[in-house]
Amino acid sequence: MQRFERLPPAFVASAFLACRPLADVFRQFDLGNGYVVPVQLYRFAKVTPETPEIEAVDADYHYVRLSQKKQCFLPAESTQVRPYRYDSGPDARWSAIDIKDNDIAVSAAALEGADLWHDPILPSELFLKGHVMKALKKAGYGKVYRYVKCRILPDQ
């Protein structure tokens, strides 16, 4: 089994994969319907069309499924967002553009339930509660992600 010395703490390869220490941080929190499971990584040892061979990689990585959804993003109260070009209506998807602290507004419903989630109308962003961000920073993963604070508005 080959050992890779310089794999990053997290990467996306058709899935979100995280090293054990980072996966252990995620395991501490309510992922809703998400989960964390170990995976075995493989690489091509010999790449030829006639005899492709694979070998296991000696790396302790885990698949992190962050699939919980909460609809609490408030586009009308947010800045630096725009609707997808061909979407319209109440379920139209939005994208964020160079967001900074307080550009994104969410309803108070964000405080309930899962600690990490995606919003179905702002699908490219991962939302997490403040205590998750603090735990990631404390564990040394503060620079793996770019964090921005959201404004939490009372439910109407």
N, C-alpha and C. Protein backbone atom coordinates (compact mmCIF):
# COMPACT_ATOMS: atom_id res chain seq x y z
N MET A 1 0.85 -1.17 0.00
CA MET A 1 0.00 0.00 0.00
C MET A 1 0.89 1.23 0.00
N GLN A 2 0.65 2.15 -0.93
CA GLN A 2 1.46 3.36 -1.01
C GLN A 2 0.97 4.38 0.00
N ARG A 3 1.90 5.08 0.59
CA ARG A 3 1.57 6.13 1.56
C ARG A 3 1.74 7.49 0.88
N PHE A 4 0.71 8.31 0.94
CA PHE A 4 0.81 9.67 0.42
C PHE A 4 1.05 10.61 1.59
N GLU A 5 2.10 11.37 1.52
CA GLU A 5 2.47 12.25 2.63
C GLU A 5 1.73 13.57 2.59
N ARG A 6 1.28 14.02 1.42
CA ARG A 6 0.78 15.38 1.33
C ARG A 6 -0.64 15.47 0.81
N LEU A 7 -1.52 14.63 1.24
CA LEU A 7 -2.93 14.79 0.89
C LEU A 7 -3.49 15.95 1.71
N PRO A 8 -4.39 16.75 1.13
CA PRO A 8 -4.96 17.87 1.87
C PRO A 8 -5.92 17.39 2.95
N PRO A 9 -6.29 18.27 3.90
CA PRO A 9 -7.21 17.85 4.96
C PRO A 9 -8.61 17.55 4.44
N ALA A 10 -8.97 18.15 3.30
CA ALA A 10 -10.29 17.89 2.71
C ALA A 10 -10.21 18.15 1.21
N PHE A 11 -10.96 17.39 0.45
CA PHE A 11 -11.05 17.65 -0.98
C PHE A 11 -12.32 17.04 -1.52
N VAL A 12 -12.70 17.51 -2.70
CA VAL A 12 -13.91 17.02 -3.35
C VAL A 12 -13.49 16.26 -4.60
N ALA A 13 -13.89 15.02 -4.67
CA ALA A 13 -13.63 14.17 -5.83
C ALA A 13 -14.93 13.41 -6.10
N SER A 14 -15.92 14.12 -6.57
CA SER A 14 -17.29 13.61 -6.71
C SER A 14 -17.91 13.32 -5.36
N ALA A 15 -17.24 13.68 -4.31
CA ALA A 15 -17.73 13.52 -2.94
C ALA A 15 -16.86 14.39 -2.05
N PHE A 16 -17.34 14.73 -0.88
CA PHE A 16 -16.54 15.49 0.07
C PHE A 16 -15.81 14.49 0.94
N LEU A 17 -14.49 14.48 0.85
CA LEU A 17 -13.66 13.57 1.63
C LEU A 17 -12.83 14.37 2.62
N ALA A 18 -12.72 13.86 3.84
CA ALA A 18 -11.98 14.56 4.88
C ALA A 18 -11.07 13.60 5.62
N CYS A 19 -9.91 14.10 6.06
CA CYS A 19 -9.01 13.29 6.88
C CYS A 19 -9.70 12.98 8.21
N ARG A 20 -9.19 11.98 8.92
CA ARG A 20 -9.85 11.56 10.17
C ARG A 20 -10.02 12.70 11.17
N PRO A 21 -8.99 13.52 11.46
CA PRO A 21 -9.21 14.57 12.46
C PRO A 21 -10.33 15.55 12.06
N LEU A 22 -10.40 15.89 10.79
CA LEU A 22 -11.46 16.79 10.34
C LEU A 22 -12.81 16.08 10.38
N ALA A 23 -12.86 14.82 9.97
CA ALA A 23 -14.10 14.04 10.03
C ALA A 23 -14.58 13.94 11.48
N ASP A 24 -13.65 13.79 12.41
CA ASP A 24 -14.03 13.70 13.82
C ASP A 24 -14.67 15.00 14.32
N VAL A 25 -14.24 16.13 13.78
CA VAL A 25 -14.90 17.40 14.13
C VAL A 25 -16.34 17.37 13.65
N PHE A 26 -16.56 16.96 12.40
CA PHE A 26 -17.93 16.91 11.86
C PHE A 26 -18.81 15.95 12.66
N ARG A 27 -18.23 14.85 13.13
CA ARG A 27 -19.01 13.85 13.88
C ARG A 27 -19.58 14.40 15.19
N GLN A 28 -19.01 15.47 15.70
CA GLN A 28 -19.46 16.04 16.98
C GLN A 28 -20.81 16.75 16.86
N PHE A 29 -21.26 17.01 15.62
CA PHE A 29 -22.40 17.89 15.44
C PHE A 29 -23.58 17.19 14.79
N ASP A 30 -24.73 17.84 14.89
CA ASP A 30 -25.96 17.34 14.29
C ASP A 30 -25.90 17.59 12.79
N LEU A 31 -25.75 16.52 12.02
CA LEU A 31 -25.68 16.62 10.56
C LEU A 31 -27.04 16.39 9.92
N GLY A 32 -28.09 16.31 10.74
CA GLY A 32 -29.41 16.04 10.18
C GLY A 32 -29.41 14.68 9.51
N ASN A 33 -29.75 14.63 8.23
CA ASN A 33 -29.72 13.35 7.52
C ASN A 33 -28.36 13.07 6.88
N GLY A 34 -27.36 13.86 7.22
CA GLY A 34 -26.00 13.62 6.73
C GLY A 34 -25.28 12.62 7.63
N TYR A 35 -24.08 12.24 7.23
CA TYR A 35 -23.31 11.27 8.00
C TYR A 35 -21.85 11.31 7.59
N VAL A 36 -21.01 10.63 8.36
CA VAL A 36 -19.57 10.51 8.10
C VAL A 36 -19.22 9.04 8.16
N VAL A 37 -18.58 8.51 7.11
CA VAL A 37 -18.17 7.11 7.09
C VAL A 37 -16.75 6.99 6.51
N PRO A 38 -15.96 6.03 7.01
CA PRO A 38 -14.62 5.84 6.45
C PRO A 38 -14.68 5.29 5.03
N VAL A 39 -13.69 5.66 4.24
CA VAL A 39 -13.58 5.14 2.87
C VAL A 39 -12.14 4.72 2.61
N GLN A 40 -11.99 3.77 1.72
CA GLN A 40 -10.66 3.36 1.28
C GLN A 40 -10.37 4.06 -0.04
N LEU A 41 -9.25 4.75 -0.12
CA LEU A 41 -8.84 5.40 -1.36
C LEU A 41 -7.95 4.46 -2.15
N TYR A 42 -8.04 4.56 -3.46
CA TYR A 42 -7.22 3.76 -4.36
C TYR A 42 -6.59 4.66 -5.40
N ARG A 43 -5.51 4.19 -5.99
CA ARG A 43 -4.88 4.91 -7.10
C ARG A 43 -4.45 3.91 -8.15
N PHE A 44 -4.27 4.41 -9.35
CA PHE A 44 -3.76 3.55 -10.40
C PHE A 44 -2.27 3.35 -10.17
N ALA A 45 -1.85 2.10 -10.03
CA ALA A 45 -0.44 1.79 -9.81
C ALA A 45 0.30 1.69 -11.13
N LYS A 46 -0.39 1.17 -12.12
CA LYS A 46 0.20 1.00 -13.45
C LYS A 46 -0.89 1.38 -14.44
N VAL A 47 -0.64 2.42 -15.17
CA VAL A 47 -1.68 2.90 -16.08
C VAL A 47 -1.31 2.56 -17.51
N THR A 48 -1.88 1.47 -17.97
CA THR A 48 -1.80 1.11 -19.39
C THR A 48 -3.16 0.59 -19.78
N PRO A 49 -3.56 0.79 -21.01
CA PRO A 49 -4.88 0.31 -21.43
C PRO A 49 -5.04 -1.21 -21.28
N GLU A 50 -3.96 -1.94 -21.44
CA GLU A 50 -4.04 -3.39 -21.39
C GLU A 50 -4.13 -3.94 -19.97
N THR A 51 -3.40 -3.34 -19.06
CA THR A 51 -3.33 -3.89 -17.70
C THR A 51 -3.44 -2.79 -16.64
N PRO A 52 -4.60 -2.16 -16.52
CA PRO A 52 -4.71 -1.17 -15.44
C PRO A 52 -4.71 -1.89 -14.09
N GLU A 53 -3.91 -1.41 -13.19
CA GLU A 53 -3.85 -1.98 -11.85
C GLU A 53 -4.10 -0.87 -10.84
N ILE A 54 -4.81 -1.21 -9.80
CA ILE A 54 -5.02 -0.23 -8.74
C ILE A 54 -4.45 -0.78 -7.45
N GLU A 55 -4.10 0.16 -6.57
CA GLU A 55 -3.62 -0.25 -5.26
C GLU A 55 -4.22 0.68 -4.21
N ALA A 56 -4.37 0.15 -3.03
CA ALA A 56 -4.93 0.93 -1.93
C ALA A 56 -3.94 2.00 -1.50
N VAL A 57 -4.46 3.14 -1.12
CA VAL A 57 -3.66 4.24 -0.61
C VAL A 57 -3.74 4.20 0.91
N ASP A 58 -2.60 4.31 1.57
CA ASP A 58 -2.56 4.30 3.03
C ASP A 58 -2.88 5.71 3.53
N ALA A 59 -4.17 6.00 3.60
CA ALA A 59 -4.64 7.31 4.06
C ALA A 59 -5.98 7.11 4.75
N ASP A 60 -6.16 7.76 5.87
CA ASP A 60 -7.37 7.60 6.67
C ASP A 60 -8.34 8.73 6.34
N TYR A 61 -9.16 8.50 5.31
CA TYR A 61 -10.13 9.50 4.87
C TYR A 61 -11.55 9.00 5.09
N HIS A 62 -12.47 9.98 5.18
CA HIS A 62 -13.87 9.68 5.47
C HIS A 62 -14.75 10.47 4.51
N TYR A 63 -15.82 9.83 4.07
CA TYR A 63 -16.81 10.48 3.23
C TYR A 63 -17.73 11.27 4.15
N VAL A 64 -17.87 12.54 3.89
CA VAL A 64 -18.73 13.41 4.69
C VAL A 64 -19.92 13.81 3.82
N ARG A 65 -21.07 13.31 4.18
CA ARG A 65 -22.29 13.64 3.43
C ARG A 65 -23.03 14.73 4.19
N LEU A 66 -23.03 15.91 3.60
CA LEU A 66 -23.71 17.06 4.18
C LEU A 66 -24.95 17.32 3.33
N SER A 67 -25.98 16.54 3.56
CA SER A 67 -27.16 16.56 2.69
C SER A 67 -28.39 17.19 3.33
N GLN A 68 -28.28 17.61 4.57
CA GLN A 68 -29.44 18.22 5.23
C GLN A 68 -29.80 19.52 4.52
N LYS A 69 -31.08 19.75 4.35
CA LYS A 69 -31.56 20.98 3.72
C LYS A 69 -32.49 21.71 4.68
N LYS A 70 -32.32 23.02 4.73
CA LYS A 70 -33.22 23.91 5.47
C LYS A 70 -33.46 25.11 4.57
N GLN A 71 -34.68 25.52 4.42
CA GLN A 71 -34.95 26.70 3.61
C GLN A 71 -35.14 27.89 4.54
N CYS A 72 -34.03 28.59 4.77
CA CYS A 72 -34.07 29.76 5.66
C CYS A 72 -33.36 30.97 5.05
N PHE A 73 -32.78 30.84 3.86
CA PHE A 73 -32.14 31.95 3.16
C PHE A 73 -33.21 32.96 2.74
N LEU A 74 -32.94 34.24 2.98
CA LEU A 74 -33.88 35.32 2.66
C LEU A 74 -33.27 36.20 1.56
N PRO A 75 -33.53 35.88 0.29
CA PRO A 75 -32.90 36.63 -0.80
C PRO A 75 -33.26 38.12 -0.81
N ALA A 76 -34.49 38.46 -0.47
CA ALA A 76 -34.91 39.87 -0.50
C ALA A 76 -34.18 40.70 0.56
N GLU A 77 -33.68 40.05 1.60
CA GLU A 77 -32.98 40.75 2.68
C GLU A 77 -31.46 40.64 2.54
N SER A 78 -30.99 39.97 1.50
CA SER A 78 -29.57 39.72 1.31
C SER A 78 -29.00 40.63 0.23
N THR A 79 -27.70 40.84 0.30
CA THR A 79 -27.00 41.58 -0.76
C THR A 79 -25.97 40.64 -1.38
N GLN A 80 -25.44 41.04 -2.51
CA GLN A 80 -24.43 40.24 -3.21
C GLN A 80 -24.96 38.88 -3.64
N VAL A 81 -26.25 38.81 -3.95
CA VAL A 81 -26.84 37.57 -4.47
C VAL A 81 -27.63 37.91 -5.73
N ARG A 82 -27.78 36.92 -6.59
CA ARG A 82 -28.59 37.11 -7.79
C ARG A 82 -29.28 35.79 -8.13
N PRO A 83 -30.46 35.89 -8.74
CA PRO A 83 -31.16 34.65 -9.11
C PRO A 83 -30.46 33.96 -10.28
N TYR A 84 -30.58 32.65 -10.33
CA TYR A 84 -30.08 31.92 -11.49
C TYR A 84 -30.79 32.45 -12.72
N ARG A 85 -30.12 32.42 -13.81
CA ARG A 85 -30.61 33.04 -15.04
C ARG A 85 -31.98 32.54 -15.48
N TYR A 86 -32.23 31.25 -15.40
CA TYR A 86 -33.46 30.70 -15.94
C TYR A 86 -34.45 30.24 -14.87
N ASP A 87 -34.21 30.60 -13.63
CA ASP A 87 -35.12 30.23 -12.55
C ASP A 87 -36.02 31.42 -12.22
N SER A 88 -37.24 31.12 -11.82
CA SER A 88 -38.15 32.17 -11.35
C SER A 88 -39.13 31.55 -10.37
N GLY A 89 -39.86 32.39 -9.69
CA GLY A 89 -40.84 31.91 -8.72
C GLY A 89 -40.26 31.79 -7.33
N PRO A 90 -41.07 31.34 -6.38
CA PRO A 90 -40.64 31.29 -4.98
C PRO A 90 -39.51 30.29 -4.71
N ASP A 91 -39.38 29.28 -5.55
CA ASP A 91 -38.31 28.29 -5.36
C ASP A 91 -37.13 28.53 -6.28
N ALA A 92 -37.05 29.72 -6.87
CA ALA A 92 -35.94 30.04 -7.76
C ALA A 92 -34.63 29.96 -6.98
N ARG A 93 -33.62 29.41 -7.62
CA ARG A 93 -32.31 29.30 -6.98
C ARG A 93 -31.52 30.60 -7.17
N TRP A 94 -30.65 30.85 -6.20
CA TRP A 94 -29.83 32.06 -6.19
C TRP A 94 -28.37 31.68 -6.09
N SER A 95 -27.51 32.61 -6.47
CA SER A 95 -26.08 32.41 -6.28
C SER A 95 -25.52 33.63 -5.55
N ALA A 96 -24.49 33.40 -4.77
CA ALA A 96 -23.83 34.46 -4.01
C ALA A 96 -22.59 34.90 -4.77
N ILE A 97 -22.34 36.20 -4.74
CA ILE A 97 -21.23 36.77 -5.49
C ILE A 97 -20.31 37.52 -4.54
N ASP A 98 -19.12 37.01 -4.32
CA ASP A 98 -18.12 37.69 -3.50
C ASP A 98 -18.71 38.20 -2.18
N ILE A 99 -19.32 37.29 -1.44
CA ILE A 99 -20.01 37.69 -0.22
C ILE A 99 -19.04 37.99 0.92
N LYS A 100 -19.48 38.88 1.77
CA LYS A 100 -18.73 39.25 2.97
C LYS A 100 -19.67 39.11 4.17
N ASP A 101 -19.13 39.32 5.36
CA ASP A 101 -19.96 39.23 6.57
C ASP A 101 -21.23 40.07 6.42
N ASN A 102 -22.34 39.46 6.82
CA ASN A 102 -23.66 40.09 6.87
C ASN A 102 -24.31 40.35 5.51
N ASP A 103 -23.73 39.88 4.41
CA ASP A 103 -24.39 40.00 3.10
C ASP A 103 -25.57 39.04 2.98
N ILE A 104 -25.49 37.90 3.64
CA ILE A 104 -26.53 36.87 3.55
C ILE A 104 -27.43 36.97 4.78
N ALA A 105 -28.73 37.01 4.53
CA ALA A 105 -29.71 37.02 5.62
C ALA A 105 -30.44 35.68 5.65
N VAL A 106 -30.65 35.19 6.86
CA VAL A 106 -31.40 33.94 7.06
C VAL A 106 -32.46 34.18 8.13
N SER A 107 -33.48 33.36 8.11
CA SER A 107 -34.53 33.46 9.13
C SER A 107 -34.06 32.79 10.42
N ALA A 108 -34.77 33.05 11.49
CA ALA A 108 -34.44 32.46 12.79
C ALA A 108 -34.54 30.94 12.76
N ALA A 109 -35.23 30.39 11.76
CA ALA A 109 -35.32 28.93 11.63
C ALA A 109 -33.95 28.29 11.46
N ALA A 110 -32.96 29.07 11.04
CA ALA A 110 -31.59 28.55 10.89
C ALA A 110 -31.02 28.08 12.21
N LEU A 111 -31.52 28.61 13.31
CA LEU A 111 -31.00 28.25 14.63
C LEU A 111 -31.52 26.90 15.12
N GLU A 112 -32.52 26.36 14.46
CA GLU A 112 -33.13 25.10 14.88
C GLU A 112 -32.59 23.94 14.05
N GLY A 113 -32.59 22.76 14.63
CA GLY A 113 -32.23 21.55 13.89
C GLY A 113 -30.75 21.42 13.60
N ALA A 114 -30.44 20.83 12.46
CA ALA A 114 -29.07 20.47 12.08
C ALA A 114 -28.10 21.64 12.20
N ASP A 115 -26.84 21.30 12.51
CA ASP A 115 -25.79 22.31 12.67
C ASP A 115 -25.13 22.68 11.35
N LEU A 116 -25.21 21.81 10.34
CA LEU A 116 -24.66 22.08 9.00
C LEU A 116 -25.73 21.73 7.99
N TRP A 117 -25.91 22.57 6.97
CA TRP A 117 -26.96 22.31 6.00
C TRP A 117 -26.74 23.12 4.73
N HIS A 118 -27.49 22.77 3.72
CA HIS A 118 -27.58 23.53 2.47
C HIS A 118 -28.99 24.09 2.38
N ASP A 119 -29.11 25.25 1.76
CA ASP A 119 -30.43 25.81 1.49
C ASP A 119 -30.77 25.49 0.04
N PRO A 120 -31.95 24.92 -0.23
CA PRO A 120 -32.29 24.52 -1.60
C PRO A 120 -32.30 25.68 -2.59
N ILE A 121 -32.50 26.93 -2.12
CA ILE A 121 -32.50 28.02 -3.09
C ILE A 121 -31.17 28.79 -3.13
N LEU A 122 -30.21 28.40 -2.31
CA LEU A 122 -28.84 28.91 -2.39
C LEU A 122 -27.90 27.70 -2.31
N PRO A 123 -27.97 26.82 -3.33
CA PRO A 123 -27.36 25.49 -3.22
C PRO A 123 -25.85 25.44 -3.17
N SER A 124 -25.16 26.47 -3.62
CA SER A 124 -23.69 26.39 -3.65
C SER A 124 -23.04 26.73 -2.31
N GLU A 125 -23.82 27.17 -1.35
CA GLU A 125 -23.26 27.57 -0.06
C GLU A 125 -23.57 26.53 1.01
N LEU A 126 -22.61 26.32 1.90
CA LEU A 126 -22.80 25.45 3.06
C LEU A 126 -22.99 26.35 4.28
N PHE A 127 -24.08 26.15 4.98
CA PHE A 127 -24.36 26.92 6.19
C PHE A 127 -23.96 26.10 7.40
N LEU A 128 -23.39 26.76 8.39
CA LEU A 128 -23.08 26.08 9.64
C LEU A 128 -23.26 27.05 10.80
N LYS A 129 -23.60 26.49 11.92
CA LYS A 129 -23.80 27.31 13.11
C LYS A 129 -22.44 27.73 13.68
N GLY A 130 -22.46 28.81 14.45
CA GLY A 130 -21.22 29.38 14.98
C GLY A 130 -20.37 28.41 15.77
N HIS A 131 -20.98 27.51 16.54
CA HIS A 131 -20.18 26.59 17.35
C HIS A 131 -19.45 25.57 16.48
N VAL A 132 -19.95 25.29 15.28
CA VAL A 132 -19.24 24.40 14.35
C VAL A 132 -18.00 25.13 13.83
N MET A 133 -18.16 26.39 13.43
CA MET A 133 -17.03 27.17 12.95
C MET A 133 -15.95 27.27 14.02
N LYS A 134 -16.35 27.52 15.25
CA LYS A 134 -15.37 27.62 16.34
C LYS A 134 -14.63 26.30 16.53
N ALA A 135 -15.34 25.18 16.45
CA ALA A 135 -14.70 23.87 16.60
C ALA A 135 -13.73 23.60 15.45
N LEU A 136 -14.10 23.97 14.23
CA LEU A 136 -13.20 23.79 13.08
C LEU A 136 -11.94 24.62 13.26
N LYS A 137 -12.09 25.85 13.69
CA LYS A 137 -10.92 26.71 13.92
C LYS A 137 -10.05 26.16 15.05
N LYS A 138 -10.68 25.73 16.13
CA LYS A 138 -9.93 25.19 17.27
C LYS A 138 -9.14 23.95 16.88
N ALA A 139 -9.69 23.14 15.98
CA ALA A 139 -9.01 21.92 15.53
C ALA A 139 -7.95 22.21 14.47
N GLY A 140 -7.77 23.47 14.09
CA GLY A 140 -6.74 23.83 13.12
C GLY A 140 -7.22 23.87 11.68
N TYR A 141 -8.52 23.86 11.47
CA TYR A 141 -9.07 23.88 10.11
C TYR A 141 -9.73 25.21 9.78
N GLY A 142 -9.29 26.26 10.42
CA GLY A 142 -9.86 27.58 10.18
C GLY A 142 -9.62 28.12 8.79
N LYS A 143 -8.57 27.64 8.13
CA LYS A 143 -8.26 28.15 6.79
C LYS A 143 -8.69 27.20 5.68
N VAL A 144 -9.27 26.07 6.04
CA VAL A 144 -9.76 25.13 5.02
C VAL A 144 -10.98 25.73 4.32
N TYR A 145 -11.75 26.49 5.07
CA TYR A 145 -12.97 27.11 4.55
C TYR A 145 -12.88 28.62 4.66
N ARG A 146 -13.66 29.29 3.84
CA ARG A 146 -13.83 30.73 3.95
C ARG A 146 -15.17 30.95 4.65
N TYR A 147 -15.11 31.54 5.82
CA TYR A 147 -16.32 31.74 6.62
C TYR A 147 -16.83 33.17 6.46
N VAL A 148 -18.13 33.32 6.36
CA VAL A 148 -18.75 34.65 6.45
C VAL A 148 -19.94 34.54 7.39
N LYS A 149 -20.16 35.58 8.15
CA LYS A 149 -21.29 35.61 9.08
C LYS A 149 -22.56 35.98 8.34
N CYS A 150 -23.65 35.35 8.74
CA CYS A 150 -24.97 35.67 8.19
C CYS A 150 -25.74 36.51 9.21
N ARG A 151 -26.64 37.32 8.70
CA ARG A 151 -27.57 38.03 9.59
C ARG A 151 -28.76 37.13 9.84
N ILE A 152 -29.15 37.00 11.09
CA ILE A 152 -30.31 36.18 11.45
C ILE A 152 -31.46 37.13 11.76
N LEU A 153 -32.51 37.03 10.97
CA LEU A 153 -33.67 37.91 11.13
C LEU A 153 -34.80 37.15 11.80
N PRO A 154 -35.58 37.83 12.63
CA PRO A 154 -36.69 37.13 13.29
C PRO A 154 -37.71 36.64 12.27
N ASP A 155 -38.34 35.52 12.58
CA ASP A 155 -39.39 34.99 11.70
C ASP A 155 -40.56 35.97 11.71
N GLN A 156 -41.16 36.14 10.55
CA GLN A 156 -42.31 37.07 10.41
C GLN A 156 -43.59 36.39 10.77
